[in-house]
Amino acid sequence: LSEKLASAALIEALPSRASDAIAAALHAYEDLDDARGAARMEMHRSRCAWFEGDAGGSVAAAERALALAEPFGPSALLFDIHVRLAQFHQQVSNRPDAARSALEAADSMRDVAAPDATIRFLNARGMMHASDWHLDAFVRDYDEAVAIAERIGHVELLVSTQTNLALNALLTGLLDRAVTALEASIATSYEFGLGWHVPNELLSLARVRYVFGDIPAARRAMVDALASAYEARRLDVWVAAYGIPIALAAQDDALLAQCSIDGVLDAALASGDAWAIALTGCAYADLAQARGDAAGARDVVSRALDALGADARPLHLCAYVAQFGRDEDLARARALLDAHERDRSRGAERALFDAHVAARRRRRGESAQRALEAAQLYGGLHYVLRQAHALELAGRESDALRIYRDAASARDVARLESSSRAADPLAPLTPREREIAGLVLAGRSNREAGEELGLSERTVGNHLQSVFNRLGIGSRRELAELARPSPSE
């Protein structure tokens, strides 16, 4: 009965309700010399620690469960333990080789696996495929997991699978799959009253909307997540990691106050969770920079880099080290970005890292070239805010400003509109293109502009098309809108 109570409490993400029941059941199984029962309780303890944000405790409990169950040979329980360890090594410690070994061990005994554990296995293997950029295999595993969850009616695992699919689709730039999966998981969570999942999925949606460049939608999802009651303190980390950048971009001081939770940065850095360390570190570096505290931003990214485990290679933090960090941290951070050519996310961050380092060393040509490479890669991933950041670093402020406006990133729009170079939307054009654009804006036809400049009507048309291409527009009307002074001007 204690085991069942603990299971029910964990499904609802109530670790405080689960912990006493776990302790009671574990004590009873130990008294009965029931190693399998004790192993199940160690797995419950592992999940409880995960909800509390104790990554090290999660892995340690799962390893104790493995030691208890392994002597009995292949079993559904041992399969599940290997799968859980693979998930922890992927999501928490960020150790892909250890995760791969655990998945291989689980795969060798799939014939004894229960359906729910098979769903978790497919989740973990799909995540591995995503990290290896085998996208067809990644999507195939998650689609199979969703189908099994729907067939057996396991709503909690269905929602978890859809959310994991979305977050891995985010990492690989699959915009439509990410948004569709999250919207489905949120609808199911509301329908069945899954208390833990509602805020968790809303936070994930906020992150996806932010990265893909929809600040108003990201803000709405974050506000909804904060309105959902939750006990799991693990979510505090994601409220800060996701919410601070959204609040800064939206210039929403009230939301920023809600997301800047006391003690979260220290808790994240001490957690051992590579993704929590990286994303929370980036968020608080952004916050320090927004407050004009360059030393604070430098301290945060250096502490985050120091907090990573030896094998951890999370995204995003390294580019922040190049932008804000100490010179002595650059080589270590750059080494974390080595990856195979298929990994476009790390390829983009590597280019952005190099652009920031070149800018620090006043090699402006090299910085602009690498920044433009980063912008192209981020654009292919639909990471539009990172794309805009890279364009800004390359000196293409007008292009960046246009993206920030489309994303409704109020802070960046305000910052760039006050910049003299961004105030000139025609800055990317060549002198000849500027001449032609000026005549078009004055109402001249292609023929009239050609007569003034001594060019054929066809040549003027070619130049005008080049103007459109360079400015990312498609018509004279859009050119006029782009060149129109903002109200502040």
Protein backbone atom coordinates (compact mmCIF):
# COMPACT_ATOMS: atom_id res chain seq x y z
CA LEU A 1 0.00 0.00 0.00
CA SER A 2 2.86 2.38 0.74
CA GLU A 3 4.34 1.61 -2.68
CA LYS A 4 1.01 2.35 -4.37
CA LEU A 5 0.63 5.60 -2.44
CA ALA A 6 4.14 6.64 -3.47
CA SER A 7 3.38 5.82 -7.12
CA ALA A 8 0.20 7.88 -7.06
CA ALA A 9 1.95 10.83 -5.44
CA LEU A 10 4.74 10.75 -8.02
CA ILE A 11 2.26 10.69 -10.90
CA GLU A 12 0.91 13.96 -9.48
CA ALA A 13 4.46 15.26 -8.88
CA LEU A 14 3.96 15.54 -5.12
CA PRO A 15 7.38 14.51 -3.77
CA SER A 16 6.55 15.55 -0.20
CA ARG A 17 3.61 13.10 -0.19
CA ALA A 18 5.71 10.40 -1.81
CA SER A 19 8.83 10.52 0.36
CA ASP A 20 7.35 9.08 3.58
CA ALA A 21 5.55 6.33 1.67
CA ILE A 22 8.76 5.43 -0.16
CA ALA A 23 10.69 5.25 3.10
CA ALA A 24 8.03 3.02 4.68
CA ALA A 25 7.86 0.66 1.72
CA LEU A 26 11.65 0.48 1.39
CA HIS A 27 11.99 -0.35 5.09
CA ALA A 28 9.39 -3.11 4.78
CA TYR A 29 10.99 -4.65 1.70
CA GLU A 30 14.41 -4.59 3.36
CA ASP A 31 12.95 -6.34 6.42
CA LEU A 32 11.46 -8.95 4.10
CA ASP A 33 14.80 -9.32 2.29
CA ASP A 34 12.90 -8.52 -0.92
CA ALA A 35 15.61 -7.04 -3.19
CA ARG A 36 13.24 -6.54 -6.12
CA GLY A 37 10.82 -4.55 -4.00
CA ALA A 38 13.69 -2.50 -2.59
CA ALA A 39 14.90 -1.84 -6.14
CA ARG A 40 11.45 -0.52 -7.11
CA MET A 41 11.52 1.83 -4.12
CA GLU A 42 14.98 3.08 -5.03
CA MET A 43 13.55 3.92 -8.45
CA HIS A 44 10.74 5.83 -6.75
CA ARG A 45 13.33 7.58 -4.61
CA SER A 46 15.25 8.44 -7.77
CA ARG A 47 12.19 10.04 -9.34
CA CYS A 48 11.36 11.88 -6.11
CA ALA A 49 14.87 13.38 -6.05
CA TRP A 50 14.45 14.42 -9.68
CA PHE A 51 11.27 16.34 -8.86
CA GLU A 52 13.14 18.08 -6.05
CA GLY A 53 15.89 19.15 -8.44
CA ASP A 54 18.50 16.82 -6.92
CA ALA A 55 20.13 15.41 -10.05
CA GLY A 56 22.92 13.65 -8.19
CA GLY A 57 20.45 11.98 -5.84
CA SER A 58 18.38 10.83 -8.83
CA VAL A 59 21.29 9.03 -10.47
CA ALA A 60 22.60 7.59 -7.18
CA ALA A 61 19.22 6.05 -6.31
CA ALA A 62 18.84 4.56 -9.81
CA GLU A 63 22.33 3.04 -9.52
CA ARG A 64 21.39 1.49 -6.16
CA ALA A 65 18.30 0.02 -7.84
CA LEU A 66 20.51 -1.42 -10.58
CA ALA A 67 22.79 -3.07 -8.01
CA LEU A 68 19.75 -4.66 -6.30
CA ALA A 69 18.05 -5.92 -9.48
CA GLU A 70 20.98 -6.99 -11.66
CA PRO A 71 21.81 -10.26 -9.84
CA PHE A 72 18.38 -11.64 -10.83
CA GLY A 73 19.11 -11.34 -14.56
CA PRO A 74 16.90 -9.91 -17.33
CA SER A 75 13.50 -8.75 -16.11
CA ALA A 76 10.94 -6.03 -16.72
CA LEU A 77 12.29 -4.22 -13.65
CA LEU A 78 15.92 -4.37 -14.82
CA PHE A 79 14.86 -3.15 -18.27
CA ASP A 80 13.10 -0.18 -16.68
CA ILE A 81 16.13 0.67 -14.52
CA HIS A 82 18.44 0.73 -17.54
CA VAL A 83 15.99 2.97 -19.38
CA ARG A 84 15.73 5.35 -16.43
CA LEU A 85 19.50 5.55 -16.19
CA ALA A 86 19.69 6.32 -19.90
CA GLN A 87 17.18 9.13 -19.42
CA PHE A 88 19.13 10.58 -16.50
CA HIS A 89 22.41 10.45 -18.40
CA GLN A 90 20.76 12.25 -21.31
CA GLN A 91 18.62 14.82 -19.51
CA VAL A 92 20.59 15.44 -16.33
CA SER A 93 24.28 14.55 -16.48
CA ASN A 94 24.45 14.99 -20.27
CA ARG A 95 26.66 11.91 -20.69
CA PRO A 96 25.76 10.45 -24.10
CA ASP A 97 28.18 7.50 -23.94
CA ALA A 98 26.76 6.34 -20.60
CA ALA A 99 23.23 6.80 -21.96
CA ARG A 100 24.08 4.77 -25.04
CA SER A 101 25.44 1.90 -22.91
CA ALA A 102 22.30 1.88 -20.76
CA LEU A 103 20.07 1.82 -23.85
CA GLU A 104 22.04 -1.07 -25.35
CA ALA A 105 21.61 -3.02 -22.11
CA ALA A 106 17.87 -2.34 -22.15
CA ASP A 107 17.53 -3.21 -25.83
CA SER A 108 18.97 -6.67 -25.15
CA MET A 109 15.94 -7.52 -22.97
CA ARG A 110 13.07 -5.76 -24.77
CA ASP A 111 11.17 -9.04 -24.99
CA VAL A 112 10.48 -8.89 -21.21
CA ALA A 113 9.61 -5.18 -21.10
CA ALA A 114 6.22 -3.90 -20.00
CA PRO A 115 4.45 -1.53 -22.43
CA ASP A 116 4.94 1.53 -20.20
CA ALA A 117 8.68 0.84 -19.94
CA THR A 118 8.82 0.34 -23.70
CA ILE A 119 7.39 3.84 -24.11
CA ARG A 120 10.14 5.23 -21.88
CA PHE A 121 12.73 3.25 -23.86
CA LEU A 122 11.49 4.73 -27.15
CA ASN A 123 11.59 8.19 -25.57
CA ALA A 124 15.21 7.72 -24.53
CA ARG A 125 16.27 6.18 -27.83
CA GLY A 126 14.44 8.89 -29.77
CA MET A 127 16.32 11.51 -27.77
CA MET A 128 19.58 9.74 -28.62
CA HIS A 129 18.67 9.78 -32.32
CA ALA A 130 17.88 13.49 -32.05
CA SER A 131 21.22 14.25 -30.41
CA ASP A 132 22.91 12.27 -33.22
CA TRP A 133 20.83 14.19 -35.79
CA HIS A 134 19.25 11.03 -37.20
CA LEU A 135 15.98 12.89 -37.55
CA ASP A 136 13.90 10.24 -39.33
CA ALA A 137 14.74 7.67 -36.65
CA PHE A 138 14.08 10.24 -33.90
CA VAL A 139 10.59 11.04 -35.19
CA ARG A 140 9.84 7.36 -35.84
CA ASP A 141 10.65 6.35 -32.24
CA TYR A 142 8.50 9.10 -30.77
CA ASP A 143 5.60 8.35 -33.09
CA GLU A 144 5.76 4.69 -32.00
CA ALA A 145 5.85 5.72 -28.33
CA VAL A 146 2.78 7.94 -28.80
CA ALA A 147 0.94 5.11 -30.55
CA ILE A 148 1.66 2.65 -27.71
CA ALA A 149 0.60 5.18 -25.05
CA GLU A 150 -2.65 5.82 -26.90
CA ARG A 151 -3.28 2.08 -27.35
CA ILE A 152 -2.82 1.21 -23.65
CA GLY A 153 -4.52 4.41 -22.45
CA HIS A 154 -1.53 5.67 -20.41
CA VAL A 155 -2.33 9.38 -20.38
CA GLU A 156 0.62 10.45 -18.22
CA LEU A 157 3.16 8.78 -20.51
CA LEU A 158 1.35 10.08 -23.58
CA VAL A 159 1.74 13.64 -22.34
CA SER A 160 5.38 13.10 -21.30
CA THR A 161 6.19 11.62 -24.71
CA GLN A 162 4.58 14.50 -26.58
CA THR A 163 6.53 17.00 -24.46
CA ASN A 164 9.84 15.18 -24.97
CA LEU A 165 9.14 15.04 -28.70
CA ALA A 166 8.55 18.79 -28.70
CA LEU A 167 11.74 19.65 -26.81
CA ASN A 168 13.87 17.46 -29.06
CA ALA A 169 12.15 18.93 -32.10
CA LEU A 170 13.14 22.33 -30.71
CA LEU A 171 16.79 21.29 -30.48
CA THR A 172 16.75 20.09 -34.08
CA GLY A 173 14.78 23.02 -35.50
CA LEU A 174 11.56 21.12 -36.33
CA LEU A 175 9.25 24.03 -35.64
CA ASP A 176 5.91 22.51 -36.65
CA ARG A 177 6.49 19.22 -34.82
CA ALA A 178 7.52 21.05 -31.65
CA VAL A 179 4.49 23.34 -31.48
CA THR A 180 1.96 20.68 -32.53
CA ALA A 181 3.22 18.15 -29.97
CA LEU A 182 3.18 20.66 -27.12
CA GLU A 183 -0.28 21.95 -27.91
CA ALA A 184 -1.54 18.35 -27.92
CA SER A 185 0.14 17.55 -24.59
CA ILE A 186 -1.23 20.71 -22.95
CA ALA A 187 -4.77 19.97 -24.14
CA THR A 188 -4.53 16.42 -22.77
CA SER A 189 -3.09 17.64 -19.45
CA TYR A 190 -5.97 20.06 -18.98
CA GLU A 191 -8.55 17.45 -20.02
CA PHE A 192 -7.36 14.87 -17.50
CA GLY A 193 -6.32 17.30 -14.74
CA LEU A 194 -2.66 16.28 -14.69
CA GLY A 195 -1.49 18.84 -12.15
CA TRP A 196 2.27 18.45 -12.66
CA HIS A 197 2.09 18.36 -16.42
CA VAL A 198 0.05 21.54 -16.95
CA PRO A 199 2.75 23.95 -15.70
CA ASN A 200 5.56 21.77 -17.04
CA GLU A 201 4.15 21.72 -20.57
CA LEU A 202 3.25 25.43 -20.47
CA LEU A 203 6.85 26.23 -19.50
CA SER A 204 8.07 24.11 -22.40
CA LEU A 205 5.69 25.91 -24.75
CA ALA A 206 6.99 29.25 -23.48
CA ARG A 207 10.54 28.16 -24.28
CA VAL A 208 9.63 26.88 -27.75
CA ARG A 209 7.71 30.05 -28.62
CA TYR A 210 10.60 32.21 -27.39
CA VAL A 211 13.33 30.37 -29.30
CA PHE A 212 11.26 30.32 -32.48
CA GLY A 213 10.62 34.05 -32.17
CA ASP A 214 7.09 34.70 -30.88
CA ILE A 215 7.55 36.77 -27.72
CA PRO A 216 3.85 37.57 -27.07
CA ALA A 217 2.90 33.88 -27.27
CA ALA A 218 5.90 32.94 -25.09
CA ARG A 219 4.84 35.52 -22.51
CA ARG A 220 1.24 34.20 -22.46
CA ALA A 221 2.43 30.63 -21.92
CA MET A 222 4.74 31.75 -19.10
CA VAL A 223 1.97 33.70 -17.37
CA ASP A 224 -0.34 30.66 -17.63
CA ALA A 225 2.39 28.39 -16.21
CA LEU A 226 2.89 30.68 -13.22
CA ALA A 227 -0.86 30.68 -12.59
CA SER A 228 -0.80 26.86 -12.30
CA ALA A 229 -0.01 25.65 -8.81
CA TYR A 230 2.88 23.18 -8.55
CA GLU A 231 4.87 21.64 -5.74
CA ALA A 232 7.88 20.24 -7.61
CA ARG A 233 10.68 22.69 -6.92
CA ARG A 234 12.42 21.48 -10.06
CA LEU A 235 10.06 23.71 -12.00
CA ASP A 236 11.48 26.81 -10.27
CA VAL A 237 14.66 26.33 -12.28
CA TRP A 238 12.76 26.32 -15.57
CA VAL A 239 10.61 29.28 -14.53
CA ALA A 240 13.82 31.27 -14.13
CA ALA A 241 15.71 29.78 -17.09
CA TYR A 242 12.83 30.28 -19.53
CA GLY A 243 10.99 33.18 -17.93
CA ILE A 244 13.80 35.71 -17.40
CA PRO A 245 14.72 35.99 -21.12
CA ILE A 246 11.03 36.23 -22.06
CA ALA A 247 10.35 38.94 -19.49
CA LEU A 248 13.43 40.90 -20.57
CA ALA A 249 12.46 40.67 -24.25
CA ALA A 250 8.88 41.74 -23.49
CA GLN A 251 10.06 44.49 -21.09
CA ASP A 252 7.64 43.08 -18.52
CA ASP A 253 9.00 44.03 -15.09
CA ALA A 254 6.19 42.28 -13.20
CA LEU A 255 6.86 38.99 -14.98
CA LEU A 256 10.59 39.44 -14.44
CA ALA A 257 10.04 39.79 -10.69
CA GLN A 258 8.01 36.54 -10.65
CA CYS A 259 10.65 34.61 -12.59
CA SER A 260 13.72 35.86 -10.68
CA ILE A 261 13.26 33.39 -7.83
CA ASP A 262 15.60 33.69 -4.85
CA GLY A 263 18.21 30.96 -4.64
CA VAL A 264 17.41 29.38 -8.02
CA LEU A 265 20.73 30.22 -9.65
CA ASP A 266 22.72 28.67 -6.80
CA ALA A 267 20.40 25.65 -6.76
CA ALA A 268 20.79 25.12 -10.50
CA LEU A 269 24.58 25.42 -10.38
CA ALA A 270 24.72 22.88 -7.55
CA SER A 271 22.25 20.46 -9.18
CA GLY A 272 24.60 18.63 -11.54
CA ASP A 273 21.90 18.98 -14.24
CA ALA A 274 23.83 20.21 -17.28
CA TRP A 275 20.83 21.74 -19.03
CA ALA A 276 19.63 23.50 -15.87
CA ILE A 277 23.14 24.85 -15.28
CA ALA A 278 23.49 26.11 -18.85
CA LEU A 279 20.07 27.68 -19.37
CA THR A 280 19.81 29.21 -15.90
CA GLY A 281 23.34 30.57 -16.23
CA CYS A 282 22.45 32.16 -19.58
CA ALA A 283 19.27 33.67 -18.15
CA TYR A 284 21.01 35.28 -15.18
CA ALA A 285 23.85 36.51 -17.40
CA ASP A 286 21.21 38.20 -19.57
CA LEU A 287 19.67 39.71 -16.45
CA ALA A 288 23.01 41.05 -15.20
CA GLN A 289 23.81 42.50 -18.61
CA ALA A 290 20.38 44.16 -18.82
CA ARG A 291 21.12 45.82 -15.48
CA GLY A 292 24.47 47.09 -16.75
CA ASP A 293 26.43 44.66 -14.58
CA ALA A 294 29.07 43.31 -16.97
CA ALA A 295 31.12 41.87 -14.10
CA GLY A 296 28.05 40.05 -12.82
CA ALA A 297 27.38 38.52 -16.26
CA ARG A 298 31.02 37.40 -16.47
CA ASP A 299 30.84 35.84 -13.02
CA VAL A 300 27.62 33.94 -13.78
CA VAL A 301 28.84 32.31 -17.01
CA SER A 302 32.18 31.41 -15.44
CA ARG A 303 30.46 29.80 -12.46
CA ALA A 304 28.13 27.91 -14.79
CA LEU A 305 31.04 26.61 -16.86
CA ASP A 306 32.82 25.49 -13.67
CA ALA A 307 29.66 23.72 -12.47
CA LEU A 308 29.37 21.47 -15.52
CA GLY A 309 30.38 17.85 -15.17
CA ALA A 310 33.41 16.55 -17.06
CA ASP A 311 31.36 15.03 -19.90
CA ALA A 312 28.57 17.62 -20.04
CA ARG A 313 28.07 19.42 -23.35
CA PRO A 314 24.87 21.49 -23.18
CA LEU A 315 23.98 24.06 -25.81
CA HIS A 316 23.87 27.88 -25.46
CA LEU A 317 26.26 28.43 -22.54
CA CYS A 318 29.45 28.41 -24.61
CA ALA A 319 28.37 31.34 -26.80
CA TYR A 320 27.63 33.27 -23.60
CA VAL A 321 31.14 32.50 -22.35
CA ALA A 322 32.53 33.95 -25.59
CA GLN A 323 30.34 37.04 -25.22
CA PHE A 324 30.63 37.71 -21.48
CA GLY A 325 33.17 35.31 -19.94
CA ARG A 326 36.81 35.41 -18.93
CA ASP A 327 39.61 34.99 -21.47
CA GLU A 328 40.92 31.99 -19.57
CA ASP A 329 37.56 30.19 -20.04
CA LEU A 330 37.45 30.48 -23.84
CA ALA A 331 39.49 27.42 -24.82
CA ARG A 332 37.56 25.13 -22.44
CA ALA A 333 34.20 26.41 -23.68
CA ARG A 334 35.20 26.11 -27.35
CA ALA A 335 36.17 22.46 -26.85
CA LEU A 336 32.59 21.68 -25.72
CA LEU A 337 31.31 22.67 -29.16
CA ASP A 338 33.19 20.01 -31.12
CA ALA A 339 30.60 17.83 -32.87
CA HIS A 340 29.92 15.91 -36.06
CA GLU A 341 28.89 17.87 -39.14
CA ARG A 342 25.24 16.79 -38.88
CA ASP A 343 24.84 18.70 -35.61
CA ARG A 344 23.59 22.02 -36.92
CA SER A 345 22.78 23.40 -33.46
CA ARG A 346 26.37 23.10 -32.29
CA GLY A 347 27.59 24.24 -35.69
CA ALA A 348 25.60 27.44 -35.31
CA GLU A 349 26.80 28.02 -31.75
CA ARG A 350 30.38 27.28 -32.77
CA ALA A 351 30.21 29.95 -35.49
CA LEU A 352 28.67 32.45 -33.06
CA PHE A 353 31.32 31.61 -30.45
CA ASP A 354 34.10 32.26 -32.96
CA ALA A 355 32.46 35.53 -34.03
CA HIS A 356 32.37 36.81 -30.45
CA VAL A 357 35.96 35.78 -29.81
CA ALA A 358 37.12 37.50 -33.01
CA ALA A 359 35.21 40.63 -31.98
CA ARG A 360 36.91 40.57 -28.56
CA ARG A 361 40.26 40.48 -30.35
CA ARG A 362 39.22 43.28 -32.75
CA ARG A 363 39.32 41.07 -35.84
CA ARG A 364 36.20 42.64 -37.29
CA GLY A 365 36.28 41.01 -40.73
CA GLU A 366 36.61 37.53 -39.29
CA SER A 367 33.93 38.29 -36.69
CA ALA A 368 31.46 39.45 -39.35
CA GLN A 369 32.12 36.40 -41.54
CA ARG A 370 31.59 33.90 -38.73
CA ALA A 371 28.56 35.82 -37.45
CA LEU A 372 26.95 35.64 -40.90
CA GLU A 373 27.62 31.88 -40.96
CA ALA A 374 25.93 31.60 -37.56
CA ALA A 375 22.97 33.67 -38.76
CA GLN A 376 22.47 31.37 -41.75
CA LEU A 377 22.61 28.24 -39.57
CA TYR A 378 20.30 29.66 -36.92
CA GLY A 379 17.89 30.73 -39.65
CA GLY A 380 17.77 27.15 -40.92
CA LEU A 381 16.89 26.01 -37.39
CA HIS A 382 14.21 28.73 -37.04
CA TYR A 383 16.10 30.13 -34.01
CA VAL A 384 15.18 33.61 -35.13
CA LEU A 385 16.33 35.51 -32.02
CA ARG A 386 19.76 33.91 -32.19
CA GLN A 387 19.77 34.64 -35.92
CA ALA A 388 19.04 38.30 -35.21
CA HIS A 389 21.78 38.40 -32.56
CA ALA A 390 24.29 37.00 -35.06
CA LEU A 391 23.23 39.49 -37.74
CA GLU A 392 23.65 42.31 -35.26
CA LEU A 393 27.14 41.10 -34.44
CA ALA A 394 27.91 41.02 -38.19
CA GLY A 395 26.95 44.69 -38.52
CA ARG A 396 23.61 43.94 -40.18
CA GLU A 397 21.56 45.88 -37.62
CA SER A 398 18.75 46.68 -40.05
CA ASP A 399 18.23 42.98 -40.80
CA ALA A 400 18.37 42.19 -37.09
CA LEU A 401 15.91 44.97 -36.28
CA ARG A 402 13.42 43.62 -38.78
CA ILE A 403 13.56 40.19 -37.12
CA TYR A 404 13.22 41.66 -33.63
CA ARG A 405 10.16 43.60 -34.79
CA ASP A 406 8.56 40.48 -36.25
CA ALA A 407 9.24 38.62 -32.99
CA ALA A 408 7.91 41.58 -30.94
CA SER A 409 11.10 41.63 -28.85
CA ALA A 410 10.44 45.08 -27.41
CA ARG A 411 13.77 45.40 -25.61
CA ASP A 412 15.83 44.64 -28.70
CA VAL A 413 13.69 46.84 -30.92
CA ALA A 414 14.08 49.77 -28.53
CA ARG A 415 17.81 49.18 -28.25
CA LEU A 416 18.44 48.99 -31.98
CA GLU A 417 16.09 51.82 -32.90
CA SER A 418 18.28 54.08 -30.81
CA SER A 419 21.34 52.91 -32.73
CA SER A 420 22.47 55.24 -35.50
CA ARG A 421 23.23 52.42 -37.92
CA ALA A 422 19.94 50.66 -37.32
CA ALA A 423 18.13 53.97 -37.78
CA ASP A 424 19.18 53.74 -41.45
CA PRO A 425 17.21 50.78 -42.85
CA LEU A 426 19.08 51.08 -46.15
CA ALA A 427 22.48 50.54 -44.54
CA PRO A 428 23.04 47.09 -46.14
CA LEU A 429 22.74 48.50 -49.68
CA THR A 430 25.58 49.37 -52.06
CA PRO A 431 25.89 53.04 -53.14
CA ARG A 432 24.19 52.31 -56.50
CA GLU A 433 21.38 50.39 -54.80
CA ARG A 434 20.87 53.28 -52.39
CA GLU A 435 20.55 55.66 -55.33
CA ILE A 436 17.91 53.52 -56.97
CA ALA A 437 16.06 52.91 -53.71
CA GLY A 438 16.02 56.65 -53.07
CA LEU A 439 14.51 57.37 -56.50
CA VAL A 440 11.91 54.61 -56.07
CA LEU A 441 10.98 56.01 -52.66
CA ALA A 442 10.60 59.41 -54.35
CA GLY A 443 8.00 57.89 -56.66
CA ARG A 444 10.06 57.31 -59.81
CA SER A 445 9.26 54.41 -62.12
CA ASN A 446 12.03 52.11 -63.29
CA ARG A 447 12.14 53.97 -66.63
CA GLU A 448 12.29 57.39 -64.93
CA ALA A 449 15.02 56.26 -62.54
CA GLY A 450 16.99 54.87 -65.50
CA GLU A 451 16.76 58.16 -67.35
CA GLU A 452 18.14 60.07 -64.36
CA LEU A 453 21.02 57.65 -63.83
CA GLY A 454 21.79 56.85 -67.47
CA LEU A 455 20.77 53.21 -67.09
CA SER A 456 18.37 51.00 -69.00
CA GLU A 457 14.98 50.24 -67.50
CA ARG A 458 15.97 46.56 -67.29
CA THR A 459 19.21 47.36 -65.40
CA VAL A 460 17.25 49.47 -62.91
CA GLY A 461 14.83 46.55 -62.46
CA ASN A 462 17.73 44.19 -61.74
CA HIS A 463 19.19 46.61 -59.20
CA LEU A 464 15.79 47.03 -57.57
CA GLN A 465 15.40 43.25 -57.25
CA SER A 466 18.83 43.19 -55.61
CA VAL A 467 17.60 45.86 -53.18
CA PHE A 468 14.59 43.71 -52.33
CA ASN A 469 16.74 40.61 -51.84
CA ARG A 470 19.28 42.37 -49.65
CA LEU A 471 16.59 43.93 -47.45
CA GLY A 472 14.48 40.77 -47.27
CA ILE A 473 11.41 42.38 -48.85
CA GLY A 474 9.43 41.83 -52.04
CA SER A 475 7.74 45.02 -53.21
CA ARG A 476 7.90 48.80 -53.47
CA ARG A 477 5.23 49.04 -50.79
CA GLU A 478 7.38 47.04 -48.34
CA LEU A 479 10.35 49.26 -49.21
CA ALA A 480 8.32 52.33 -48.35
CA GLU A 481 7.17 50.77 -45.05
CA LEU A 482 10.75 49.79 -44.18
CA ALA A 483 12.09 53.29 -44.90
CA ARG A 484 9.26 55.04 -43.03
CA PRO A 485 10.60 56.69 -39.83
CA SER A 486 9.44 55.14 -36.58
CA PRO A 487 7.17 57.25 -34.32
CA SER A 488 10.08 57.86 -31.93
CA GLU A 489 12.05 59.41 -34.77
